[in-house]
């Protein structure tokens, strides 16, 4: 990696990140409750990131004075991931990842409301395409469990927008590495009381190994790769590659889990991907205009 230029290093890291993030949905196929999956994921991620912080001398254990918003992001993060894995288990990987990929639409709506303005024509067009793409995923003959999974996927997108917004506020008074540790630790702690009321608990070594991998590789390593990439690439480029998550998830589910790849799913994913990139491009243009003025 040291022989490559900084942008090349960033591109390798962000592509690796996109593949790892895409594979996260596959962990929802293990026969374990989403509550256990998320609690384990966040717990192992917090431990791994804490150890890295101690080794680097970052003192990631320091509790900030404004701890309540940080705890709130942890609770929202727990809700987001529980909803996502519920969607995976009840609607399949394709629908779960594609409904989650609609989060740019809800980001657009939230920003327009926050700025007390009407969405721009280009934003409305991208939003309508996303709505049309999501409608392709639903069919009248789907079972009620699939519909619940579909709704959970949409809810996971909405909670992700809330998580991102409050996290941006938290970053103004604390370091990113410290914030990630506390968010994951909070998410794990808030879910612990609910674990005693779940029936599908991890028992086998393979299940525990999967949960450890999900926490350490698919969560802790992903956060590190993302910040590594941001140091070498623009935020818009990084976001563009992360938008590929559903593509990698659906392809991996098709190859590894033998889940069917329907033409409507492929078309919906293509529409959501292009619209998400369009929304991000519009947001980037607005930021550039603000800086210029």
Protein backbone atom coordinates (compact mmCIF):
# COMPACT_ATOMS: atom_id res chain seq x y z
CA UNK A 1 0.00 0.00 0.00
CA UNK A 2 2.87 2.40 0.77
CA UNK A 3 4.07 2.15 -2.84
CA UNK A 4 0.72 3.53 -4.08
CA UNK A 5 -0.46 7.13 -4.13
CA UNK A 6 -2.82 8.35 -1.41
CA UNK A 7 -5.91 8.34 -3.70
CA UNK A 8 -5.08 4.80 -4.84
CA UNK A 9 -4.78 3.69 -1.23
CA UNK A 10 -8.14 5.29 -0.51
CA UNK A 11 -9.81 3.60 -3.49
CA UNK A 12 -8.56 0.18 -2.40
CA UNK A 13 -9.75 0.78 1.15
CA UNK A 14 -13.21 2.07 0.15
CA UNK A 15 -13.76 -0.81 -2.28
CA UNK A 16 -12.80 -3.30 0.42
CA UNK A 17 -15.14 -1.49 2.79
CA UNK A 18 -18.04 -1.72 0.32
CA UNK A 19 -17.57 -5.48 -0.06
CA UNK A 20 -17.35 -6.00 3.72
CA UNK A 21 -20.41 -3.85 4.37
CA UNK A 22 -22.30 -5.71 1.64
CA UNK A 23 -21.49 -9.02 3.31
CA UNK A 24 -22.95 -7.83 6.64
CA UNK A 25 -26.48 -8.69 5.54
CA UNK A 26 -25.47 -12.35 5.17
CA UNK A 27 -25.06 -12.61 8.93
CA UNK A 28 -28.80 -12.08 9.25
CA UNK A 29 -29.33 -15.55 7.77
CA UNK A 30 -27.97 -17.33 10.87
CA UNK A 31 -30.66 -18.73 13.15
CA UNK A 32 -30.22 -16.14 15.89
CA UNK A 33 -32.54 -13.34 17.02
CA UNK A 34 -31.77 -9.88 15.56
CA UNK A 35 -31.45 -8.64 19.15
CA UNK A 36 -28.58 -11.07 19.78
CA UNK A 37 -26.99 -10.28 16.42
CA UNK A 38 -26.94 -6.54 17.07
CA UNK A 39 -25.99 -6.74 20.77
CA UNK A 40 -23.08 -9.03 19.91
CA UNK A 41 -22.07 -6.95 16.92
CA UNK A 42 -21.94 -3.71 18.89
CA UNK A 43 -20.36 -5.32 21.95
CA UNK A 44 -17.51 -6.97 20.07
CA UNK A 45 -17.02 -3.84 17.94
CA UNK A 46 -16.78 -1.61 21.04
CA UNK A 47 -14.25 -3.96 22.64
CA UNK A 48 -12.13 -4.14 19.48
CA UNK A 49 -12.17 -0.38 18.96
CA UNK A 50 -11.47 0.23 22.65
CA UNK A 51 -8.39 -2.02 22.51
CA UNK A 52 -7.13 -0.22 19.39
CA UNK A 53 -7.68 3.12 21.14
CA UNK A 54 -5.73 1.99 24.21
CA UNK A 55 -2.84 0.72 22.06
CA UNK A 56 -2.72 4.04 20.20
CA UNK A 57 -3.09 6.00 23.44
CA UNK A 58 -6.29 7.73 22.34
CA UNK A 59 -8.00 7.35 25.72
CA UNK A 60 -11.23 6.28 24.05
CA UNK A 61 -12.81 5.58 27.44
CA UNK A 62 -13.20 9.26 28.39
CA UNK A 63 -16.87 10.13 28.94
CA UNK A 64 -17.80 13.47 27.34
CA UNK A 65 -19.65 16.17 29.27
CA UNK A 66 -22.49 16.05 26.72
CA UNK A 67 -23.00 12.29 27.04
CA UNK A 68 -26.80 12.17 26.51
CA UNK A 69 -26.76 12.81 22.71
CA UNK A 70 -24.05 10.15 22.39
CA UNK A 71 -26.19 7.67 24.29
CA UNK A 72 -29.15 8.61 22.10
CA UNK A 73 -27.15 7.78 18.97
CA UNK A 74 -26.30 4.42 20.52
CA UNK A 75 -29.99 3.68 21.10
CA UNK A 76 -30.86 4.75 17.55
CA UNK A 77 -27.99 2.67 16.17
CA UNK A 78 -29.34 -0.37 18.02
CA UNK A 79 -32.83 0.23 16.60
CA UNK A 80 -31.42 0.71 13.10
CA UNK A 81 -29.51 -2.56 13.05
CA UNK A 82 -32.27 -4.58 14.75
CA UNK A 83 -34.74 -3.35 12.12
CA UNK A 84 -32.27 -4.13 9.34
CA UNK A 85 -31.60 -7.71 10.44
CA UNK A 86 -35.31 -8.23 11.07
CA UNK A 87 -35.86 -7.20 7.45
CA UNK A 88 -33.16 -9.63 6.30
CA UNK A 89 -34.76 -12.53 8.17
CA UNK A 90 -38.34 -11.79 7.13
CA UNK A 91 -38.02 -10.29 3.64
CA UNK A 92 -34.65 -11.48 2.36
CA UNK A 93 -31.30 -9.83 1.77
CA UNK A 94 -32.30 -8.09 -1.47
CA UNK A 95 -35.35 -6.30 -0.07
CA UNK A 96 -33.63 -5.50 3.23
CA UNK A 97 -30.61 -3.87 1.59
CA UNK A 98 -32.58 -2.05 -1.11
CA UNK A 99 -35.14 -0.61 1.31
CA UNK A 100 -32.30 0.55 3.54
CA UNK A 101 -30.64 2.11 0.47
CA UNK A 102 -33.55 4.57 0.28
CA UNK A 103 -32.02 6.59 3.14
CA UNK A 104 -30.87 9.40 0.76
CA UNK A 105 -34.55 10.07 0.04
CA UNK A 106 -35.32 10.52 3.75
CA UNK A 107 -32.16 12.60 4.15
CA UNK A 108 -33.44 14.86 1.38
CA UNK A 109 -36.85 15.21 3.07
CA UNK A 110 -35.27 15.93 6.46
CA UNK A 111 -32.87 18.55 5.09
CA UNK A 112 -35.63 20.32 3.19
CA UNK A 113 -37.73 20.43 6.36
CA UNK A 114 -34.77 21.56 8.48
CA UNK A 115 -33.90 24.34 6.03
CA UNK A 116 -37.58 25.32 5.72
CA UNK A 117 -37.55 25.01 1.94
CA UNK A 118 -39.22 23.02 -0.78
CA UNK A 119 -37.20 20.23 -2.43
CA UNK A 120 -35.58 21.17 -5.72
CA UNK A 121 -36.96 19.75 -8.96
CA UNK A 122 -33.91 17.49 -9.39
CA UNK A 123 -34.33 16.21 -5.83
CA UNK A 124 -38.03 15.52 -6.42
CA UNK A 125 -37.20 13.57 -9.58
CA UNK A 126 -34.61 11.45 -7.77
CA UNK A 127 -37.08 10.89 -4.94
CA UNK A 128 -39.83 9.77 -7.31
CA UNK A 129 -37.44 7.31 -8.97
CA UNK A 130 -36.55 5.84 -5.57
CA UNK A 131 -40.24 5.52 -4.66
CA UNK A 132 -40.90 3.80 -7.99
CA UNK A 133 -37.93 1.48 -7.45
CA UNK A 134 -39.15 0.50 -3.98
CA UNK A 135 -42.66 -0.18 -5.32
CA UNK A 136 -41.14 -2.73 -7.70
CA UNK A 137 -40.01 -4.75 -4.70
CA UNK A 138 -43.55 -5.24 -3.44
CA UNK A 139 -46.02 -7.65 -4.97
CA UNK A 140 -49.63 -8.37 -3.93
CA UNK A 141 -48.95 -12.05 -3.30
CA UNK A 142 -46.24 -11.42 -0.71
CA UNK A 143 -46.89 -12.82 2.76
CA UNK A 144 -47.52 -10.62 5.77
CA UNK A 145 -44.07 -11.50 7.18
CA UNK A 146 -42.43 -10.21 4.00
CA UNK A 147 -44.43 -6.99 4.23
CA UNK A 148 -43.31 -6.54 7.85
CA UNK A 149 -39.74 -7.12 6.73
CA UNK A 150 -40.22 -4.56 3.97
CA UNK A 151 -41.51 -1.97 6.46
CA UNK A 152 -38.64 -2.78 8.83
CA UNK A 153 -36.19 -2.07 6.00
CA UNK A 154 -37.77 1.33 5.38
CA UNK A 155 -37.69 2.05 9.13
CA UNK A 156 -34.00 1.11 9.22
CA UNK A 157 -33.37 3.76 6.55
CA UNK A 158 -35.24 6.41 8.57
CA UNK A 159 -33.40 5.57 11.81
CA UNK A 160 -30.09 5.71 9.94
CA UNK A 161 -30.85 9.30 8.89
CA UNK A 162 -31.59 10.21 12.52
CA UNK A 163 -28.40 8.47 13.65
CA UNK A 164 -26.28 10.32 11.08
CA UNK A 165 -27.79 13.72 11.95
CA UNK A 166 -27.22 13.45 15.71
CA UNK A 167 -23.77 11.91 15.19
CA UNK A 168 -22.72 14.97 13.17
CA UNK A 169 -23.64 17.15 16.16
CA UNK A 170 -21.67 14.90 18.52
CA UNK A 171 -18.57 15.17 16.32
CA UNK A 172 -18.38 18.90 17.05
CA UNK A 173 -17.23 18.27 20.63
CA UNK A 174 -15.54 14.84 20.59
CA UNK A 175 -13.23 12.72 18.47
CA UNK A 176 -14.65 10.29 15.94
CA UNK A 177 -12.85 7.24 17.35
CA UNK A 178 -14.15 7.98 20.84
CA UNK A 179 -17.67 8.53 19.54
CA UNK A 180 -17.73 5.17 17.72
CA UNK A 181 -16.67 3.28 20.85
CA UNK A 182 -19.31 4.93 23.01
CA UNK A 183 -22.05 4.53 20.39
CA UNK A 184 -21.45 0.81 19.99
CA UNK A 185 -21.10 0.30 23.74
CA UNK A 186 -24.39 2.16 24.33
CA UNK A 187 -26.15 0.11 21.66
CA UNK A 188 -24.96 -3.14 23.22
CA UNK A 189 -25.90 -2.09 26.77
CA UNK A 190 -29.42 -0.95 25.86
CA UNK A 191 -30.14 -4.33 24.23
CA UNK A 192 -28.85 -6.55 27.06
CA UNK A 193 -32.15 -6.55 29.09
CA UNK A 194 -34.06 -7.76 26.01
CA UNK A 195 -31.75 -10.71 25.38
CA UNK A 196 -33.25 -12.70 28.26
CA UNK A 197 -36.64 -12.72 26.51
CA UNK A 198 -35.50 -14.05 23.13
CA UNK A 199 -35.82 -17.68 22.08
CA UNK A 200 -33.21 -17.85 19.34
CA UNK A 201 -29.91 -17.43 21.18
CA UNK A 202 -26.45 -18.34 19.86
CA UNK A 203 -25.30 -21.76 21.09
CA UNK A 204 -22.85 -23.20 18.60
CA UNK A 205 -19.23 -22.21 18.04
CA UNK A 206 -20.03 -21.34 14.41
CA UNK A 207 -22.72 -18.88 15.52
CA UNK A 208 -20.45 -17.19 18.05
CA UNK A 209 -17.62 -17.07 15.51
CA UNK A 210 -19.95 -15.38 13.03
CA UNK A 211 -21.04 -12.79 15.60
CA UNK A 212 -17.43 -12.04 16.56
CA UNK A 213 -16.52 -11.62 12.88
CA UNK A 214 -19.53 -9.33 12.39
CA UNK A 215 -18.43 -7.12 15.28
CA UNK A 216 -14.68 -7.04 14.67
CA UNK A 217 -14.45 -7.17 10.85
CA UNK A 218 -17.81 -5.90 9.58
CA UNK A 219 -18.13 -3.14 12.17
CA UNK A 220 -14.85 -2.13 13.86
CA UNK A 221 -12.69 -2.62 10.75
CA UNK A 222 -15.31 -0.91 8.56
CA UNK A 223 -15.24 2.23 10.71
CA UNK A 224 -11.44 2.30 10.52
CA UNK A 225 -11.43 1.78 6.74
CA UNK A 226 -13.99 4.55 6.30
CA UNK A 227 -11.92 7.13 8.18
CA UNK A 228 -8.78 5.90 6.41
CA UNK A 229 -10.53 6.46 3.08
CA UNK A 230 -11.82 9.91 4.07
CA UNK A 231 -8.23 11.01 4.69
CA UNK A 232 -7.38 10.20 1.05
CA UNK A 233 -10.63 10.72 -0.86
CA UNK A 234 -13.52 13.20 -0.83
CA UNK A 235 -16.66 12.43 1.15
CA UNK A 236 -18.70 12.30 -2.06
CA UNK A 237 -16.44 9.64 -3.60
CA UNK A 238 -16.61 7.56 -0.42
CA UNK A 239 -20.40 7.88 -0.31
CA UNK A 240 -20.62 6.77 -3.93
CA UNK A 241 -18.79 3.54 -3.22
CA UNK A 242 -20.78 2.89 -0.03
CA UNK A 243 -23.93 3.21 -2.14
CA UNK A 244 -22.78 -0.01 -3.81
CA UNK A 245 -23.58 -1.94 -0.61
CA UNK A 246 -26.89 -3.40 -1.94
CA UNK A 247 -25.15 -4.50 -5.14
CA UNK A 248 -22.49 -6.44 -3.26
CA UNK A 249 -25.03 -7.77 -0.75
CA UNK A 250 -27.38 -9.10 -3.44
CA UNK A 251 -24.54 -10.64 -5.45
CA UNK A 252 -23.04 -12.30 -2.37
CA UNK A 253 -26.48 -13.58 -1.33
CA UNK A 254 -26.93 -15.04 -4.82
CA UNK A 255 -23.50 -16.71 -4.86
CA UNK A 256 -23.16 -17.82 -1.23
CA UNK A 257 -26.73 -18.21 0.05
CA UNK A 258 -28.26 -19.16 -3.33
CA UNK A 259 -31.00 -16.55 -2.94
CA UNK A 260 -32.74 -15.88 -6.30
CA UNK A 261 -31.80 -12.78 -8.27
CA UNK A 262 -34.96 -11.54 -9.97
CA UNK A 263 -35.00 -9.02 -12.81
CA UNK A 264 -37.24 -6.66 -10.81
CA UNK A 265 -34.74 -6.68 -7.94
CA UNK A 266 -31.87 -5.87 -10.32
CA UNK A 267 -33.88 -3.05 -11.93
CA UNK A 268 -34.92 -1.65 -8.55
CA UNK A 269 -31.35 -1.74 -7.28
CA UNK A 270 -30.09 0.05 -10.40
CA UNK A 271 -32.74 2.78 -10.03
CA UNK A 272 -32.03 3.30 -6.31
CA UNK A 273 -28.27 3.37 -6.89
CA UNK A 274 -28.45 6.01 -9.66
CA UNK A 275 -30.96 8.14 -7.74
CA UNK A 276 -28.86 7.99 -4.57
CA UNK A 277 -25.81 9.11 -6.51
CA UNK A 278 -27.90 11.92 -8.01
CA UNK A 279 -29.02 13.13 -4.59
CA UNK A 280 -25.44 13.02 -3.29
CA UNK A 281 -24.25 14.97 -6.37
CA UNK A 282 -26.91 17.63 -5.78
CA UNK A 283 -25.86 17.92 -2.13
CA UNK A 284 -22.21 18.21 -3.16
CA UNK A 285 -23.05 21.01 -5.61
CA UNK A 286 -24.94 22.90 -2.89
CA UNK A 287 -21.98 22.60 -0.52
CA UNK A 288 -19.61 23.94 -3.18
CA UNK A 289 -21.89 26.92 -3.85
CA UNK A 290 -22.07 27.70 -0.12
CA UNK A 291 -18.28 27.62 0.18
CA UNK A 292 -17.91 29.82 -2.90
CA UNK A 293 -20.30 32.40 -1.49
